[in-house]
C-alpha atoms as a PDB file:
ATOM      1  CA  MET A   1     -33.801  90.783  41.286  1.00  0.00           C
ATOM      2  CA  ALA A   2     -35.323  88.296  38.881  1.00  0.00           C
ATOM      3  CA  LYS A   3     -33.991  88.065  35.347  1.00  0.00           C
ATOM      4  CA  VAL A   4     -35.817  86.713  32.291  1.00  0.00           C
ATOM      5  CA  ILE A   5     -33.825  84.699  29.762  1.00  0.00           C
ATOM      6  CA  SER A   6     -35.404  83.343  26.586  1.00  0.00           C
ATOM      7  CA  LEU A   7     -33.958  80.051  25.332  1.00  0.00           C
ATOM      8  CA  ALA A   8     -34.298  78.500  21.880  1.00  0.00           C
ATOM      9  CA  ILE A   9     -34.041  74.751  22.316  1.00  0.00           C
ATOM     10  CA  GLY A  10     -33.033  73.066  19.071  1.00  0.00           C
ATOM     11  CA  GLN A  11     -34.468  69.643  19.786  1.00  0.00           C
ATOM     12  CA  TYR A  12     -37.949  70.993  20.455  1.00  0.00           C
ATOM     13  CA  ASN A  13     -37.974  73.767  17.842  1.00  0.00           C
ATOM     14  CA  GLY A  14     -39.559  76.070  20.356  1.00  0.00           C
ATOM     15  CA  THR A  15     -38.764  78.807  22.837  1.00  0.00           C
ATOM     16  CA  PHE A  16     -38.762  78.364  26.601  1.00  0.00           C
ATOM     17  CA  THR A  17     -38.665  81.224  29.066  1.00  0.00           C
ATOM     18  CA  VAL A  18     -37.043  80.760  32.455  1.00  0.00           C
ATOM     19  CA  THR A  19     -36.935  83.207  35.326  1.00  0.00           C
ATOM     20  CA  GLY A  20     -34.443  83.265  38.141  1.00  0.00           C
ATOM     21  CA  ASP A  21     -31.393  84.823  39.761  1.00  0.00           C
ATOM     22  CA  ILE A  22     -28.433  84.219  37.410  1.00  0.00           C
ATOM     23  CA  ALA A  23     -26.172  83.630  40.401  1.00  0.00           C
ATOM     24  CA  ALA A  24     -28.327  80.821  41.822  1.00  0.00           C
ATOM     25  CA  THR A  25     -26.766  77.627  40.494  1.00  0.00           C
ATOM     26  CA  GLY A  26     -29.395  75.062  39.595  1.00  0.00           C
ATOM     27  CA  TYR A  27     -32.342  77.449  39.914  1.00  0.00           C
ATOM     28  CA  TYR A  28     -33.343  77.353  36.258  1.00  0.00           C
ATOM     29  CA  THR A  29     -36.049  74.907  35.210  1.00  0.00           C
ATOM     30  CA  ILE A  30     -35.100  73.524  31.798  1.00  0.00           C
ATOM     31  CA  VAL A  31     -36.421  70.494  29.951  1.00  0.00           C
ATOM     32  CA  GLN A  32     -33.796  67.794  30.526  1.00  0.00           C
ATOM     33  CA  GLY A  33     -31.973  66.525  27.474  1.00  0.00           C
ATOM     34  CA  ALA A  34     -32.434  69.616  25.323  1.00  0.00           C
ATOM     35  CA  VAL A  35     -29.610  71.017  23.194  1.00  0.00           C
ATOM     36  CA  LEU A  36     -28.871  74.680  23.796  1.00  0.00           C
ATOM     37  CA  GLN A  37     -28.887  76.579  20.503  1.00  0.00           C
ATOM     38  CA  SER A  38     -29.315  80.173  21.657  1.00  0.00           C
ATOM     39  CA  PHE A  39     -30.175  82.288  24.645  1.00  0.00           C
ATOM     40  CA  SER A  40     -30.675  85.993  25.332  1.00  0.00           C
ATOM     41  CA  GLY A  41     -31.605  88.275  28.182  1.00  0.00           C
ATOM     42  CA  GLU A  42     -30.781  91.302  30.291  1.00  0.00           C
ATOM     43  CA  VAL A  43     -28.543  91.602  33.334  1.00  0.00           C
ATOM     44  CA  THR A  44     -29.477  94.434  35.652  1.00  0.00           C
ATOM     45  CA  SER A  45     -27.027  97.383  35.463  1.00  0.00           C
ATOM     46  CA  LEU A  46     -24.787  95.560  32.982  1.00  0.00           C
ATOM     47  CA  GLY A  47     -26.827  95.479  29.789  1.00  0.00           C
ATOM     48  CA  SER A  48     -28.473  92.995  27.436  1.00  0.00           C
ATOM     49  CA  PHE A  49     -27.114  90.115  25.358  1.00  0.00           C
ATOM     50  CA  ALA A  50     -27.893  87.468  22.787  1.00  0.00           C
ATOM     51  CA  ALA A  51     -25.995  84.268  22.043  1.00  0.00           C
ATOM     52  CA  VAL A  52     -26.537  81.821  19.194  1.00  0.00           C
ATOM     53  CA  VAL A  53     -24.773  78.747  17.811  1.00  0.00           C
ATOM     54  CA  GLU A  54     -23.378  79.264  14.311  1.00  0.00           C
ATOM     55  CA  SER A  55     -21.384  76.498  12.588  1.00  0.00           C
ATOM     56  CA  GLY A  56     -21.028  74.689  15.893  1.00  0.00           C
ATOM     57  CA  THR A  57     -19.694  77.714  17.802  1.00  0.00           C
ATOM     58  CA  MET A  58     -21.599  79.866  20.298  1.00  0.00           C
ATOM     59  CA  LYS A  59     -21.350  83.522  19.233  1.00  0.00           C
ATOM     60  CA  TYR A  60     -22.273  86.463  21.431  1.00  0.00           C
ATOM     61  CA  LYS A  61     -23.803  89.867  20.801  1.00  0.00           C
ATOM     62  CA  LEU A  62     -23.409  92.193  23.765  1.00  0.00           C
ATOM     63  CA  GLU A  63     -25.077  95.549  24.396  1.00  0.00           C
ATOM     64  CA  PRO A  64     -23.411  96.778  27.604  1.00  0.00           C
ATOM     65  CA  ALA A  65     -25.010  99.551  29.591  1.00  0.00           C
ATOM     66  CA  ALA A  66     -21.688 101.385  29.403  1.00  0.00           C
ATOM     67  CA  ALA A  67     -18.294 100.711  27.844  1.00  0.00           C
ATOM     68  CA  ASP A  68     -16.759  99.765  31.179  1.00  0.00           C
ATOM     69  CA  LYS A  69     -19.513  97.194  31.768  1.00  0.00           C
ATOM     70  CA  ALA A  70     -18.663  95.033  28.749  1.00  0.00           C
ATOM     71  CA  LYS A  71     -16.307  92.639  30.553  1.00  0.00           C
ATOM     72  CA  ASP A  72     -18.667  92.161  33.499  1.00  0.00           C
ATOM     73  CA  LEU A  73     -21.520  91.519  31.075  1.00  0.00           C
ATOM     74  CA  MET A  74     -19.478  88.891  29.218  1.00  0.00           C
ATOM     75  CA  ASP A  75     -18.594  87.239  32.520  1.00  0.00           C
ATOM     76  CA  ALA A  76     -22.286  87.122  33.424  1.00  0.00           C
ATOM     77  CA  VAL A  77     -23.200  85.640  30.040  1.00  0.00           C
ATOM     78  CA  SER A  78     -20.517  82.954  30.437  1.00  0.00           C
ATOM     79  CA  ALA A  79     -21.880  82.098  33.878  1.00  0.00           C
ATOM     80  CA  ILE A  80     -25.418  81.822  32.502  1.00  0.00           C
ATOM     81  CA  GLU A  81     -24.262  79.568  29.648  1.00  0.00           C
ATOM     82  CA  GLU A  82     -22.411  77.308  32.090  1.00  0.00           C
ATOM     83  CA  LEU A  83     -25.513  76.939  34.232  1.00  0.00           C
ATOM     84  CA  LEU A  84     -27.725  76.163  31.270  1.00  0.00           C
ATOM     85  CA  ASN A  85     -25.362  73.634  29.689  1.00  0.00           C
ATOM     86  CA  ALA A  86     -25.028  71.860  33.022  1.00  0.00           C
ATOM     87  CA  ARG A  87     -28.778  71.283  32.929  1.00  0.00           C
ATOM     88  CA  PHE A  88     -28.649  69.941  29.378  1.00  0.00           C
ATOM     89  CA  ALA A  89     -25.768  67.495  29.817  1.00  0.00           C
ATOM     90  CA  THR A  90     -26.516  63.775  29.580  1.00  0.00           C
ATOM     91  CA  GLU A  91     -24.587  61.787  32.179  1.00  0.00           C
ATOM     92  CA  VAL A  92     -21.842  59.521  30.841  1.00  0.00           C
ATOM     93  CA  PRO A  93     -22.341  55.811  31.705  1.00  0.00           C
ATOM     94  CA  VAL A  94     -19.678  53.960  33.716  1.00  0.00           C
ATOM     95  CA  ILE A  95     -18.270  50.668  32.365  1.00  0.00           C
ATOM     96  CA  SER A  96     -17.144  48.180  35.048  1.00  0.00           C
ATOM     97  CA  GLY A  97     -15.404  44.805  35.070  1.00  0.00           C
ATOM     98  CA  ASN A  98     -11.992  43.180  35.492  1.00  0.00           C
ATOM     99  CA  THR A  99      -9.820  44.923  32.912  1.00  0.00           C
ATOM    100  CA  LEU A 100      -7.333  42.039  33.069  1.00  0.00           C
ATOM    101  CA  PHE A 101      -8.931  38.591  33.099  1.00  0.00           C
ATOM    102  CA  GLY A 102      -8.261  34.909  32.567  1.00  0.00           C
ATOM    103  CA  GLU A 103     -11.000  32.808  30.967  1.00  0.00           C
ATOM    104  CA  SER A 104     -13.734  35.468  30.989  1.00  0.00           C
ATOM    105  CA  THR A 105     -14.997  38.584  32.743  1.00  0.00           C
ATOM    106  CA  GLU A 106     -18.430  40.037  33.402  1.00  0.00           C
ATOM    107  CA  VAL A 107     -18.968  43.615  32.218  1.00  0.00           C
ATOM    108  CA  SER A 108     -21.644  45.917  33.587  1.00  0.00           C
ATOM    109  CA  ILE A 109     -22.597  49.441  32.497  1.00  0.00           C
ATOM    110  CA  SER A 110     -24.395  51.966  34.688  1.00  0.00           C
ATOM    111  CA  ILE A 111     -27.655  53.379  33.328  1.00  0.00           C
ATOM    112  CA  PRO A 112     -28.120  57.070  34.255  1.00  0.00           C
ATOM    113  CA  THR A 113     -31.600  58.127  35.365  1.00  0.00           C
ATOM    114  CA  ASP A 114     -34.164  58.379  32.556  1.00  0.00           C
ATOM    115  CA  CYS A 115     -31.564  57.251  29.986  1.00  0.00           C
ATOM    116  CA  LYS A 116     -31.076  54.347  27.644  1.00  0.00           C
ATOM    117  CA  VAL A 117     -27.566  53.009  27.176  1.00  0.00           C
ATOM    118  CA  TYR A 118     -26.115  51.653  23.930  1.00  0.00           C
ATOM    119  CA  TYR A 119     -22.775  49.900  23.582  1.00  0.00           C
ATOM    120  CA  THR A 120     -20.294  48.190  21.271  1.00  0.00           C
ATOM    121  CA  THR A 121     -17.578  45.613  21.922  1.00  0.00           C
ATOM    122  CA  ASP A 122     -15.559  46.048  18.724  1.00  0.00           C
ATOM    123  CA  GLY A 123     -14.132  49.475  19.479  1.00  0.00           C
ATOM    124  CA  SER A 124     -16.571  51.307  17.203  1.00  0.00           C
ATOM    125  CA  THR A 125     -18.529  54.344  18.375  1.00  0.00           C
ATOM    126  CA  PRO A 126     -21.992  53.366  19.676  1.00  0.00           C
ATOM    127  CA  THR A 127     -25.173  55.027  18.444  1.00  0.00           C
ATOM    128  CA  ALA A 128     -28.817  54.979  19.443  1.00  0.00           C
ATOM    129  CA  GLU A 129     -29.430  52.535  16.563  1.00  0.00           C
ATOM    130  CA  GLY A 130     -27.003  50.011  18.053  1.00  0.00           C
ATOM    131  CA  THR A 131     -27.196  47.392  20.804  1.00  0.00           C
ATOM    132  CA  GLU A 132     -29.072  48.542  23.900  1.00  0.00           C
ATOM    133  CA  TYR A 133     -27.580  47.571  27.257  1.00  0.00           C
ATOM    134  CA  THR A 134     -30.018  45.880  29.638  1.00  0.00           C
ATOM    135  CA  GLU A 135     -27.912  43.500  31.754  1.00  0.00           C
ATOM    136  CA  PRO A 136     -24.282  42.481  32.403  1.00  0.00           C
ATOM    137  CA  PHE A 137     -22.574  40.439  29.697  1.00  0.00           C
ATOM    138  CA  GLU A 138     -19.538  38.142  29.440  1.00  0.00           C
ATOM    139  CA  LEU A 139     -16.348  38.749  27.494  1.00  0.00           C
ATOM    140  CA  GLU A 140     -14.125  35.814  26.602  1.00  0.00           C
ATOM    141  CA  ASP A 141     -11.578  37.678  24.490  1.00  0.00           C
ATOM    142  CA  THR A 142      -9.762  41.013  24.639  1.00  0.00           C
ATOM    143  CA  ALA A 143     -12.204  43.777  23.704  1.00  0.00           C
ATOM    144  CA  THR A 144     -12.774  47.520  23.920  1.00  0.00           C
ATOM    145  CA  VAL A 145     -16.253  48.313  25.202  1.00  0.00           C
ATOM    146  CA  LYS A 146     -17.715  51.717  24.381  1.00  0.00           C
ATOM    147  CA  ALA A 147     -21.045  53.096  25.595  1.00  0.00           C
ATOM    148  CA  ILE A 148     -23.262  56.163  25.419  1.00  0.00           C
ATOM    149  CA  ALA A 149     -26.321  57.243  27.373  1.00  0.00           C
ATOM    150  CA  VAL A 150     -29.219  58.784  25.465  1.00  0.00           C
ATOM    151  CA  LYS A 151     -31.808  61.016  27.099  1.00  0.00           C
ATOM    152  CA  ASP A 152     -34.601  62.697  25.146  1.00  0.00           C
ATOM    153  CA  GLY A 153     -32.607  62.178  21.966  1.00  0.00           C
ATOM    154  CA  VAL A 154     -29.409  63.732  23.351  1.00  0.00           C
ATOM    155  CA  GLU A 155     -26.293  61.539  23.484  1.00  0.00           C
ATOM    156  CA  SER A 156     -23.678  61.677  26.217  1.00  0.00           C
ATOM    157  CA  GLU A 157     -19.954  61.619  25.619  1.00  0.00           C
ATOM    158  CA  VAL A 158     -18.564  58.156  24.835  1.00  0.00           C
ATOM    159  CA  ALA A 159     -17.356  56.010  27.732  1.00  0.00           C
ATOM    160  CA  SER A 160     -14.609  53.540  26.831  1.00  0.00           C
ATOM    161  CA  GLU A 161     -12.863  50.689  28.659  1.00  0.00           C
ATOM    162  CA  THR A 162     -10.501  48.014  27.351  1.00  0.00           C
ATOM    163  CA  PHE A 163     -10.649  44.510  28.828  1.00  0.00           C
ATOM    164  CA  THR A 164      -7.548  42.404  28.207  1.00  0.00           C
ATOM    165  CA  LYS A 165      -7.464  38.616  28.292  1.00  0.00           C
ATOM    166  CA  LEU A 166      -4.228  37.320  29.808  1.00  0.00           C
ATOM    167  CA  ALA A 167      -2.671  35.126  27.157  1.00  0.00           C
ATOM    168  CA  ALA A 168      -1.852  31.518  27.980  1.00  0.00           C
ATOM    169  CA  PRO A 169       1.822  30.523  27.843  1.00  0.00           C
ATOM    170  CA  VAL A 170       3.345  28.891  24.767  1.00  0.00           C
ATOM    171  CA  ILE A 171       5.054  25.516  25.386  1.00  0.00           C
ATOM    172  CA  SER A 172       7.725  24.570  22.851  1.00  0.00           C
ATOM    173  CA  GLY A 173       9.961  21.549  22.294  1.00  0.00           C
ATOM    174  CA  GLU A 174      10.638  18.631  19.973  1.00  0.00           C
ATOM    175  CA  THR A 175       8.079  15.854  19.753  1.00  0.00           C
ATOM    176  CA  PRO A 176       8.444  13.010  19.186  1.00  0.00           C
ATOM    177  CA  PHE A 177      11.976  12.952  20.536  1.00  0.00           C
ATOM    178  CA  GLY A 178      14.810  10.452  21.005  1.00  0.00           C
ATOM    179  CA  GLU A 179      16.732  10.247  24.258  1.00  0.00           C
ATOM    180  CA  SER A 180      15.629  13.652  25.570  1.00  0.00           C
ATOM    181  CA  THR A 181      14.178  17.028  24.623  1.00  0.00           C
ATOM    182  CA  GLU A 182      14.326  20.507  26.098  1.00  0.00           C
ATOM    183  CA  VAL A 183      11.049  22.273  26.675  1.00  0.00           C
ATOM    184  CA  THR A 184      10.751  26.044  26.897  1.00  0.00           C
ATOM    185  CA  ILE A 185       7.744  28.066  28.047  1.00  0.00           C
ATOM    186  CA  THR A 186       7.096  31.697  27.161  1.00  0.00           C
ATOM    187  CA  GLY A 187       4.347  33.962  28.466  1.00  0.00           C
ATOM    188  CA  PRO A 188       3.035  37.539  28.415  1.00  0.00           C
ATOM    189  CA  ASP A 189       5.304  40.382  29.499  1.00  0.00           C
ATOM    190  CA  GLY A 190       5.324  40.878  33.259  1.00  0.00           C
ATOM    191  CA  ALA A 191       3.666  37.516  33.980  1.00  0.00           C
ATOM    192  CA  SER A 192       5.028  34.645  36.057  1.00  0.00           C
ATOM    193  CA  ILE A 193       4.739  31.108  34.656  1.00  0.00           C
ATOM    194  CA  TYR A 194       3.896  27.998  36.662  1.00  0.00           C
ATOM    195  CA  TYR A 195       3.898  24.462  35.284  1.00  0.00           C
ATOM    196  CA  THR A 196       3.416  20.759  35.976  1.00  0.00           C
ATOM    197  CA  THR A 197       4.793  17.655  34.284  1.00  0.00           C
ATOM    198  CA  ASP A 198       2.454  15.061  35.791  1.00  0.00           C
ATOM    199  CA  GLY A 199      -0.658  16.048  33.851  1.00  0.00           C
ATOM    200  CA  SER A 200      -2.238  17.922  36.766  1.00  0.00           C
ATOM    201  CA  THR A 201      -3.611  21.461  36.424  1.00  0.00           C
ATOM    202  CA  PRO A 202      -1.011  24.051  37.449  1.00  0.00           C
ATOM    203  CA  THR A 203      -1.673  26.795  39.996  1.00  0.00           C
ATOM    204  CA  SER A 204       0.407  29.603  41.442  1.00  0.00           C
ATOM    205  CA  ALA A 205       1.601  27.021  44.012  1.00  0.00           C
ATOM    206  CA  SER A 206       3.102  24.813  41.277  1.00  0.00           C
ATOM    207  CA  SER A 207       6.691  24.918  40.071  1.00  0.00           C
ATOM    208  CA  ALA A 208       7.746  28.344  38.809  1.00  0.00           C
ATOM    209  CA  TYR A 209       9.287  28.254  35.356  1.00  0.00           C
ATOM    210  CA  SER A 210      12.704  29.902  35.085  1.00  0.00           C
ATOM    211  CA  GLU A 211      14.681  27.839  32.571  1.00  0.00           C
ATOM    212  CA  ALA A 212      14.279  25.101  29.981  1.00  0.00           C
ATOM    213  CA  ILE A 213      12.990  21.730  31.229  1.00  0.00           C
ATOM    214  CA  THR A 214      14.726  18.517  30.130  1.00  0.00           C
ATOM    215  CA  LEU A 215      12.391  15.577  29.478  1.00  0.00           C
ATOM    216  CA  THR A 216      13.569  11.968  29.072  1.00  0.00           C
ATOM    217  CA  ALA A 217      10.177  10.233  28.985  1.00  0.00           C
ATOM    218  CA  THR A 218       6.772  10.845  27.431  1.00  0.00           C
ATOM    219  CA  THR A 219       5.319  13.766  29.415  1.00  0.00           C
ATOM    220  CA  THR A 220       2.402  16.156  29.341  1.00  0.00           C
ATOM    221  CA  VAL A 221       3.494  19.667  30.308  1.00  0.00           C
ATOM    222  CA  LYS A 222       0.836  22.118  31.448  1.00  0.00           C
ATOM    223  CA  ALA A 223       1.397  25.777  32.261  1.00  0.00           C
ATOM    224  CA  ILE A 224      -0.371  28.978  33.264  1.00  0.00           C
ATOM    225  CA  ALA A 225       0.636  32.640  33.293  1.00  0.00           C
ATOM    226  CA  VAL A 226      -0.153  34.710  36.389  1.00  0.00           C
ATOM    227  CA  LYS A 227      -0.162  38.502  36.457  1.00  0.00           C
ATOM    228  CA  ASP A 228      -1.590  40.840  39.099  1.00  0.00           C
ATOM    229  CA  GLY A 229      -3.344  37.892  40.721  1.00  0.00           C
ATOM    230  CA  VAL A 230      -5.039  36.846  37.461  1.00  0.00           C
ATOM    231  CA  SER A 231      -4.411  33.359  36.041  1.00  0.00           C
ATOM    232  CA  SER A 232      -4.551  32.597  32.330  1.00  0.00           C
ATOM    233  CA  GLU A 233      -6.155  29.597  30.737  1.00  0.00           C
ATOM    234  CA  VAL A 234      -4.096  26.389  30.883  1.00  0.00           C
ATOM    235  CA  ALA A 235      -1.689  25.608  28.053  1.00  0.00           C
ATOM    236  CA  SER A 236      -0.954  21.938  27.501  1.00  0.00           C
ATOM    237  CA  GLU A 237       1.488  20.040  25.294  1.00  0.00           C
ATOM    238  CA  THR A 238       2.409  16.351  25.222  1.00  0.00           C
ATOM    239  CA  PHE A 239       5.949  15.370  24.346  1.00  0.00           C
ATOM    240  CA  THR A 240       6.300  11.757  23.196  1.00  0.00           C
ATOM    241  CA  LYS A 241       9.470   9.697  23.425  1.00  0.00           C
ATOM    242  CA  SER A 242       9.895   7.665  20.260  1.00  0.00           C
END
């Protein structure tokens, strides 16, 4: 049997009436993007109800057909509210990219249907007055990207993803030096370090650093950190024999 439920939609300052079987998920035709403020109706054999948001909380007034119908009526009201809110929800955007990167990474954000997406790269919460996402962008430093989708004035929950730049190793030693100097190389936790002493660019096929290097002639030491298949930028230091 058809039920009639009247809905007050806050964004539109009006009342919409929808008709349908309360058990038929997705049957209701609601304006997308609206914010549910109140709803009321009657459930056959169980009674009537009204629900309204007060101070951010949905409150219910039930008029069960009989005392033993109160719980079933509340269950029905909860089911109706779940169906309606599902229609109002704005889809959360998805942020994609290499969360661990070397020199840079490209970040893309999905744009849900009929939405605009706004984002930040400084960890702050995005708003509809902020930067609108239209195409992928590059990050060259560690950053937390946050994004929201906005549909008919209604904002989604905030999506958040942190992108971490793998730090380059630090090469240390005395320069200029006399007869010899010891060079040490430190890198990020969990990373392997590879180095060269002939001025060439190191790769993961170069010498693996495990202990201090003794130099007896002017030398340029270059090194990279490698973690989870990602290579850092190249660190370089020249040690000059005096």
